[in-house]
Amino acid sequence: METDEARPGVRLWELRTNSCRWPLGRPWDHAEFFCGQPTVPGCSWCKEHRKRALVRARVGPKPPMVLKDRRR
């Protein structure tokens, strides 16, 4: 797997409609460079970054939604 630091990246104004918009660098840094690889259709990220984003979102099981009765 290639790390973000190994990729040169592209600047904001170099992004195209099918360019991956994953910011490169550490999470607390100002995003100066973006991935720029071709995106997955219907997504803003390339295949690798889409996988990384969705893994983070699915860390644990989602608790069931419970609606409370507020008429009491």
PDB file of N, CA and C in Angstrom:
ATOM      1  N   MET A   1       0.851  -1.187   0.000  1.00  0.00           N
ATOM      2  CA  MET A   1       0.000   0.000   0.000  1.00  0.00           C
ATOM      3  C   MET A   1       0.889   1.240   0.000  1.00  0.00           C
ATOM      4  N   GLU A   2       0.548   2.165  -0.823  1.00  0.00           N
ATOM      5  CA  GLU A   2       1.312   3.398  -0.954  1.00  0.00           C
ATOM      6  C   GLU A   2       0.836   4.409   0.080  1.00  0.00           C
ATOM      7  N   THR A   3       1.772   5.086   0.722  1.00  0.00           N
ATOM      8  CA  THR A   3       1.389   6.075   1.723  1.00  0.00           C
ATOM      9  C   THR A   3       1.181   7.428   1.066  1.00  0.00           C
ATOM     10  N   ASP A   4       0.483   8.314   1.762  1.00  0.00           N
ATOM     11  CA  ASP A   4       0.226   9.651   1.230  1.00  0.00           C
ATOM     12  C   ASP A   4       1.510  10.436   1.018  1.00  0.00           C
ATOM     13  N   GLU A   5       2.509  10.207   1.872  1.00  0.00           N
ATOM     14  CA  GLU A   5       3.756  10.949   1.757  1.00  0.00           C
ATOM     15  C   GLU A   5       4.526  10.581   0.494  1.00  0.00           C
ATOM     16  N   ALA A   6       4.309   9.367  -0.049  1.00  0.00           N
ATOM     17  CA  ALA A   6       5.030   8.924  -1.237  1.00  0.00           C
ATOM     18  C   ALA A   6       4.466   9.562  -2.508  1.00  0.00           C
ATOM     19  N   ARG A   7       3.255  10.048  -2.471  1.00  0.00           N
ATOM     20  CA  ARG A   7       2.626  10.670  -3.642  1.00  0.00           C
ATOM     21  C   ARG A   7       2.929  12.162  -3.670  1.00  0.00           C
ATOM     22  N   PRO A   8       3.238  12.692  -4.848  1.00  0.00           N
ATOM     23  CA  PRO A   8       3.518  14.124  -4.910  1.00  0.00           C
ATOM     24  C   PRO A   8       2.272  14.978  -4.696  1.00  0.00           C
ATOM     25  N   GLY A   9       1.108  14.536  -5.155  1.00  0.00           N
ATOM     26  CA  GLY A   9      -0.134  15.272  -4.969  1.00  0.00           C
ATOM     27  C   GLY A   9      -0.287  16.428  -5.942  1.00  0.00           C
ATOM     28  N   VAL A  10      -1.470  17.018  -5.940  1.00  0.00           N
ATOM     29  CA  VAL A  10      -1.780  18.161  -6.797  1.00  0.00           C
ATOM     30  C   VAL A  10      -2.358  19.277  -5.932  1.00  0.00           C
ATOM     31  N   ARG A  11      -2.255  20.467  -6.409  1.00  0.00           N
ATOM     32  CA  ARG A  11      -2.805  21.629  -5.691  1.00  0.00           C
ATOM     33  C   ARG A  11      -4.302  21.747  -5.990  1.00  0.00           C
ATOM     34  N   LEU A  12      -4.993  22.524  -5.176  1.00  0.00           N
ATOM     35  CA  LEU A  12      -6.441  22.684  -5.292  1.00  0.00           C
ATOM     36  C   LEU A  12      -6.869  23.096  -6.691  1.00  0.00           C
ATOM     37  N   TRP A  13      -6.174  24.057  -7.275  1.00  0.00           N
ATOM     38  CA  TRP A  13      -6.573  24.570  -8.584  1.00  0.00           C
ATOM     39  C   TRP A  13      -6.252  23.596  -9.721  1.00  0.00           C
ATOM     40  N   GLU A  14      -5.503  22.525  -9.439  1.00  0.00           N
ATOM     41  CA  GLU A  14      -5.191  21.517 -10.441  1.00  0.00           C
ATOM     42  C   GLU A  14      -6.200  20.360 -10.446  1.00  0.00           C
ATOM     43  N   LEU A  15      -7.087  20.311  -9.457  1.00  0.00           N
ATOM     44  CA  LEU A  15      -8.082  19.233  -9.385  1.00  0.00           C
ATOM     45  C   LEU A  15      -9.078  19.353 -10.525  1.00  0.00           C
ATOM     46  N   ARG A  16      -9.481  18.222 -11.065  1.00  0.00           N
ATOM     47  CA  ARG A  16     -10.505  18.142 -12.111  1.00  0.00           C
ATOM     48  C   ARG A  16     -11.749  17.493 -11.518  1.00  0.00           C
ATOM     49  N   THR A  17     -12.801  17.385 -12.304  1.00  0.00           N
ATOM     50  CA  THR A  17     -14.050  16.805 -11.789  1.00  0.00           C
ATOM     51  C   THR A  17     -13.881  15.344 -11.390  1.00  0.00           C
ATOM     52  N   ASN A  18     -12.940  14.642 -11.999  1.00  0.00           N
ATOM     53  CA  ASN A  18     -12.722  13.233 -11.650  1.00  0.00           C
ATOM     54  C   ASN A  18     -11.437  13.031 -10.860  1.00  0.00           C
ATOM     55  N   SER A  19     -10.953  14.069 -10.159  1.00  0.00           N
ATOM     56  CA  SER A  19      -9.741  13.970  -9.341  1.00  0.00           C
ATOM     57  C   SER A  19     -10.107  13.692  -7.888  1.00  0.00           C
ATOM     58  N   CYS A  20      -9.345  12.794  -7.255  1.00  0.00           N
ATOM     59  CA  CYS A  20      -9.561  12.481  -5.850  1.00  0.00           C
ATOM     60  C   CYS A  20      -9.254  13.708  -4.994  1.00  0.00           C
ATOM     61  N   ARG A  21     -10.167  14.038  -4.099  1.00  0.00           N
ATOM     62  CA  ARG A  21     -10.041  15.229  -3.270  1.00  0.00           C
ATOM     63  C   ARG A  21      -9.555  14.919  -1.853  1.00  0.00           C
ATOM     64  N   TRP A  22      -8.903  13.793  -1.674  1.00  0.00           N
ATOM     65  CA  TRP A  22      -8.373  13.409  -0.365  1.00  0.00           C
ATOM     66  C   TRP A  22      -7.185  14.314  -0.042  1.00  0.00           C
ATOM     67  N   PRO A  23      -7.243  15.065   1.075  1.00  0.00           N
ATOM     68  CA  PRO A  23      -6.117  15.936   1.430  1.00  0.00           C
ATOM     69  C   PRO A  23      -4.921  15.113   1.902  1.00  0.00           C
ATOM     70  N   LEU A  24      -3.744  15.468   1.435  1.00  0.00           N
ATOM     71  CA  LEU A  24      -2.521  14.764   1.817  1.00  0.00           C
ATOM     72  C   LEU A  24      -1.874  15.464   3.001  1.00  0.00           C
ATOM     73  N   GLY A  25      -1.192  14.705   3.807  1.00  0.00           N
ATOM     74  CA  GLY A  25      -0.536  15.250   4.994  1.00  0.00           C
ATOM     75  C   GLY A  25      -1.194  14.742   6.250  1.00  0.00           C
ATOM     76  N   ARG A  26      -0.771  15.307   7.369  1.00  0.00           N
ATOM     77  CA  ARG A  26      -1.326  14.906   8.657  1.00  0.00           C
ATOM     78  C   ARG A  26      -2.686  15.568   8.862  1.00  0.00           C
ATOM     79  N   PRO A  27      -3.575  14.958   9.657  1.00  0.00           N
ATOM     80  CA  PRO A  27      -4.926  15.484   9.846  1.00  0.00           C
ATOM     81  C   PRO A  27      -4.980  16.926  10.356  1.00  0.00           C
ATOM     82  N   TRP A  28      -4.006  17.352  11.137  1.00  0.00           N
ATOM     83  CA  TRP A  28      -4.056  18.701  11.706  1.00  0.00           C
ATOM     84  C   TRP A  28      -3.345  19.734  10.838  1.00  0.00           C
ATOM     85  N   ASP A  29      -2.745  19.304   9.734  1.00  0.00           N
ATOM     86  CA  ASP A  29      -2.066  20.234   8.823  1.00  0.00           C
ATOM     87  C   ASP A  29      -3.066  20.921   7.902  1.00  0.00           C
ATOM     88  N   HIS A  30      -2.684  22.077   7.415  1.00  0.00           N
ATOM     89  CA  HIS A  30      -3.466  22.774   6.393  1.00  0.00           C
ATOM     90  C   HIS A  30      -3.328  21.983   5.093  1.00  0.00           C
ATOM     91  N   ALA A  31      -4.438  21.666   4.443  1.00  0.00           N
ATOM     92  CA  ALA A  31      -4.405  20.879   3.205  1.00  0.00           C
ATOM     93  C   ALA A  31      -3.858  21.729   2.062  1.00  0.00           C
ATOM     94  N   GLU A  32      -2.651  21.398   1.646  1.00  0.00           N
ATOM     95  CA  GLU A  32      -2.024  22.119   0.546  1.00  0.00           C
ATOM     96  C   GLU A  32      -2.016  21.282  -0.727  1.00  0.00           C
ATOM     97  N   PHE A  33      -1.937  19.949  -0.548  1.00  0.00           N
ATOM     98  CA  PHE A  33      -1.928  19.034  -1.682  1.00  0.00           C
ATOM     99  C   PHE A  33      -3.037  18.009  -1.528  1.00  0.00           C
ATOM    100  N   PHE A  34      -3.559  17.550  -2.662  1.00  0.00           N
ATOM    101  CA  PHE A  34      -4.623  16.552  -2.697  1.00  0.00           C
ATOM    102  C   PHE A  34      -4.155  15.375  -3.538  1.00  0.00           C
ATOM    103  N   CYS A  35      -4.785  14.225  -3.376  1.00  0.00           N
ATOM    104  CA  CYS A  35      -4.384  12.995  -4.058  1.00  0.00           C
ATOM    105  C   CYS A  35      -4.348  13.189  -5.578  1.00  0.00           C
ATOM    106  N   GLY A  36      -5.475  13.540  -6.196  1.00  0.00           N
ATOM    107  CA  GLY A  36      -5.509  13.792  -7.628  1.00  0.00           C
ATOM    108  C   GLY A  36      -5.678  12.571  -8.508  1.00  0.00           C
ATOM    109  N   GLN A  37      -5.682  11.362  -7.939  1.00  0.00           N
ATOM    110  CA  GLN A  37      -5.882  10.143  -8.728  1.00  0.00           C
ATOM    111  C   GLN A  37      -7.320  10.102  -9.258  1.00  0.00           C
ATOM    112  N   PRO A  38      -7.603   9.302 -10.306  1.00  0.00           N
ATOM    113  CA  PRO A  38      -8.981   9.182 -10.812  1.00  0.00           C
ATOM    114  C   PRO A  38      -9.929   8.656  -9.733  1.00  0.00           C
ATOM    115  N   THR A  39     -11.137   9.198  -9.682  1.00  0.00           N
ATOM    116  CA  THR A  39     -12.113   8.834  -8.655  1.00  0.00           C
ATOM    117  C   THR A  39     -12.942   7.621  -9.040  1.00  0.00           C
ATOM    118  N   VAL A  40     -13.568   7.021  -8.030  1.00  0.00           N
ATOM    119  CA  VAL A  40     -14.564   5.982  -8.229  1.00  0.00           C
ATOM    120  C   VAL A  40     -15.831   6.702  -8.712  1.00  0.00           C
ATOM    121  N   PRO A  41     -16.535   6.191  -9.718  1.00  0.00           N
ATOM    122  CA  PRO A  41     -17.751   6.867 -10.186  1.00  0.00           C
ATOM    123  C   PRO A  41     -18.743   7.136  -9.046  1.00  0.00           C
ATOM    124  N   GLY A  42     -19.213   8.376  -8.958  1.00  0.00           N
ATOM    125  CA  GLY A  42     -20.174   8.770  -7.945  1.00  0.00           C
ATOM    126  C   GLY A  42     -19.562   9.095  -6.594  1.00  0.00           C
ATOM    127  N   CYS A  43     -18.255   9.223  -6.522  1.00  0.00           N
ATOM    128  CA  CYS A  43     -17.557   9.476  -5.266  1.00  0.00           C
ATOM    129  C   CYS A  43     -16.511  10.567  -5.482  1.00  0.00           C
ATOM    130  N   SER A  44     -16.099  11.225  -4.409  1.00  0.00           N
ATOM    131  CA  SER A  44     -15.078  12.270  -4.497  1.00  0.00           C
ATOM    132  C   SER A  44     -13.669  11.742  -4.267  1.00  0.00           C
ATOM    133  N   TRP A  45     -13.534  10.428  -4.039  1.00  0.00           N
ATOM    134  CA  TRP A  45     -12.243   9.849  -3.714  1.00  0.00           C
ATOM    135  C   TRP A  45     -11.878   8.733  -4.676  1.00  0.00           C
ATOM    136  N   CYS A  46     -10.578   8.417  -4.751  1.00  0.00           N
ATOM    137  CA  CYS A  46     -10.094   7.275  -5.528  1.00  0.00           C
ATOM    138  C   CYS A  46     -10.432   5.984  -4.763  1.00  0.00           C
ATOM    139  N   LYS A  47     -10.140   4.861  -5.361  1.00  0.00           N
ATOM    140  CA  LYS A  47     -10.486   3.574  -4.753  1.00  0.00           C
ATOM    141  C   LYS A  47      -9.841   3.401  -3.366  1.00  0.00           C
ATOM    142  N   GLU A  48      -8.561   3.721  -3.248  1.00  0.00           N
ATOM    143  CA  GLU A  48      -7.845   3.553  -1.980  1.00  0.00           C
ATOM    144  C   GLU A  48      -8.402   4.466  -0.887  1.00  0.00           C
ATOM    145  N   HIS A  49      -8.612   5.735  -1.193  1.00  0.00           N
ATOM    146  CA  HIS A  49      -9.088   6.675  -0.181  1.00  0.00           C
ATOM    147  C   HIS A  49     -10.559   6.444   0.162  1.00  0.00           C
ATOM    148  N   ARG A  50     -11.346   5.973  -0.775  1.00  0.00           N
ATOM    149  CA  ARG A  50     -12.744   5.620  -0.477  1.00  0.00           C
ATOM    150  C   ARG A  50     -12.775   4.478   0.527  1.00  0.00           C
ATOM    151  N   LYS A  51     -11.904   3.491   0.308  1.00  0.00           N
ATOM    152  CA  LYS A  51     -11.831   2.351   1.226  1.00  0.00           C
ATOM    153  C   LYS A  51     -11.411   2.820   2.622  1.00  0.00           C
ATOM    154  N   ARG A  52     -10.425   3.700   2.701  1.00  0.00           N
ATOM    155  CA  ARG A  52      -9.958   4.206   3.997  1.00  0.00           C
ATOM    156  C   ARG A  52     -11.050   5.006   4.709  1.00  0.00           C
ATOM    157  N   ALA A  53     -11.799   5.813   3.971  1.00  0.00           N
ATOM    158  CA  ALA A  53     -12.861   6.626   4.570  1.00  0.00           C
ATOM    159  C   ALA A  53     -13.997   5.751   5.097  1.00  0.00           C
ATOM    160  N   LEU A  54     -14.375   4.740   4.341  1.00  0.00           N
ATOM    161  CA  LEU A  54     -15.490   3.890   4.755  1.00  0.00           C
ATOM    162  C   LEU A  54     -15.103   2.963   5.895  1.00  0.00           C
ATOM    163  N   VAL A  55     -13.859   2.551   5.995  1.00  0.00           N
ATOM    164  CA  VAL A  55     -13.411   1.723   7.115  1.00  0.00           C
ATOM    165  C   VAL A  55     -13.497   2.522   8.401  1.00  0.00           C
ATOM    166  N   ARG A  56     -13.092   3.769   8.371  1.00  0.00           N
ATOM    167  CA  ARG A  56     -13.173   4.619   9.561  1.00  0.00           C
ATOM    168  C   ARG A  56     -14.616   4.833   9.995  1.00  0.00           C
ATOM    169  N   ALA A  57     -15.525   4.924   9.044  1.00  0.00           N
ATOM    170  CA  ALA A  57     -16.927   5.157   9.373  1.00  0.00           C
ATOM    171  C   ALA A  57     -17.573   3.918   9.993  1.00  0.00           C
ATOM    172  N   ARG A  58     -17.072   2.733   9.689  1.00  0.00           N
ATOM    173  CA  ARG A  58     -17.653   1.494  10.182  1.00  0.00           C
ATOM    174  C   ARG A  58     -16.840   0.889  11.316  1.00  0.00           C
ATOM    175  N   VAL A  59     -16.413   1.679  12.255  1.00  0.00           N
ATOM    176  CA  VAL A  59     -15.569   1.198  13.347  1.00  0.00           C
ATOM    177  C   VAL A  59     -16.296   0.189  14.215  1.00  0.00           C
ATOM    178  N   GLY A  60     -17.515   0.437  14.547  1.00  0.00           N
ATOM    179  CA  GLY A  60     -18.255  -0.476  15.415  1.00  0.00           C
ATOM    180  C   GLY A  60     -19.678  -0.644  14.929  1.00  0.00           C
ATOM    181  N   PRO A  61     -20.403  -1.566  15.549  1.00  0.00           N
ATOM    182  CA  PRO A  61     -21.796  -1.752  15.138  1.00  0.00           C
ATOM    183  C   PRO A  61     -22.627  -0.528  15.494  1.00  0.00           C
ATOM    184  N   LYS A  62     -23.519  -0.189  14.621  1.00  0.00           N
ATOM    185  CA  LYS A  62     -24.369   0.971  14.832  1.00  0.00           C
ATOM    186  C   LYS A  62     -25.520   0.580  15.758  1.00  0.00           C
ATOM    187  N   PRO A  63     -25.728   1.340  16.826  1.00  0.00           N
ATOM    188  CA  PRO A  63     -26.825   0.999  17.738  1.00  0.00           C
ATOM    189  C   PRO A  63     -28.176   1.232  17.051  1.00  0.00           C
ATOM    190  N   PRO A  64     -29.188   0.459  17.424  1.00  0.00           N
ATOM    191  CA  PRO A  64     -30.498   0.651  16.808  1.00  0.00           C
ATOM    192  C   PRO A  64     -31.079   2.009  17.192  1.00  0.00           C
ATOM    193  N   MET A  65     -31.827   2.577  16.271  1.00  0.00           N
ATOM    194  CA  MET A  65     -32.447   3.878  16.519  1.00  0.00           C
ATOM    195  C   MET A  65     -33.702   3.672  17.364  1.00  0.00           C
ATOM    196  N   VAL A  66     -33.797   4.404  18.467  1.00  0.00           N
ATOM    197  CA  VAL A  66     -34.942   4.286  19.368  1.00  0.00           C
ATOM    198  C   VAL A  66     -35.605   5.649  19.470  1.00  0.00           C
ATOM    199  N   LEU A  67     -36.873   5.698  19.140  1.00  0.00           N
ATOM    200  CA  LEU A  67     -37.628   6.941  19.244  1.00  0.00           C
ATOM    201  C   LEU A  67     -38.322   6.987  20.597  1.00  0.00           C
ATOM    202  N   LYS A  68     -38.196   8.105  21.249  1.00  0.00           N
ATOM    203  CA  LYS A  68     -38.834   8.256  22.557  1.00  0.00           C
ATOM    204  C   LYS A  68     -40.193   8.926  22.411  1.00  0.00           C
ATOM    205  N   ASP A  69     -41.126   8.492  23.206  1.00  0.00           N
ATOM    206  CA  ASP A  69     -42.458   9.083  23.206  1.00  0.00           C
ATOM    207  C   ASP A  69     -42.414  10.350  24.067  1.00  0.00           C
ATOM    208  N   ARG A  70     -42.615  11.508  23.477  1.00  0.00           N
ATOM    209  CA  ARG A  70     -42.516  12.782  24.196  1.00  0.00           C
ATOM    210  C   ARG A  70     -43.883  13.291  24.650  1.00  0.00           C
ATOM    211  N   ARG A  71     -44.916  12.490  24.493  1.00  0.00           N
ATOM    212  CA  ARG A  71     -46.263  12.931  24.902  1.00  0.00           C
ATOM    213  C   ARG A  71     -46.447  12.876  26.405  1.00  0.00           C
ATOM    214  N   ARG A  72     -45.607  12.255  27.144  1.00  0.00           N
ATOM    215  CA  ARG A  72     -45.768  12.121  28.586  1.00  0.00           C
ATOM    216  C   ARG A  72     -45.349  13.367  29.302  1.00  0.00           C
TER     217      ARG A  72
END
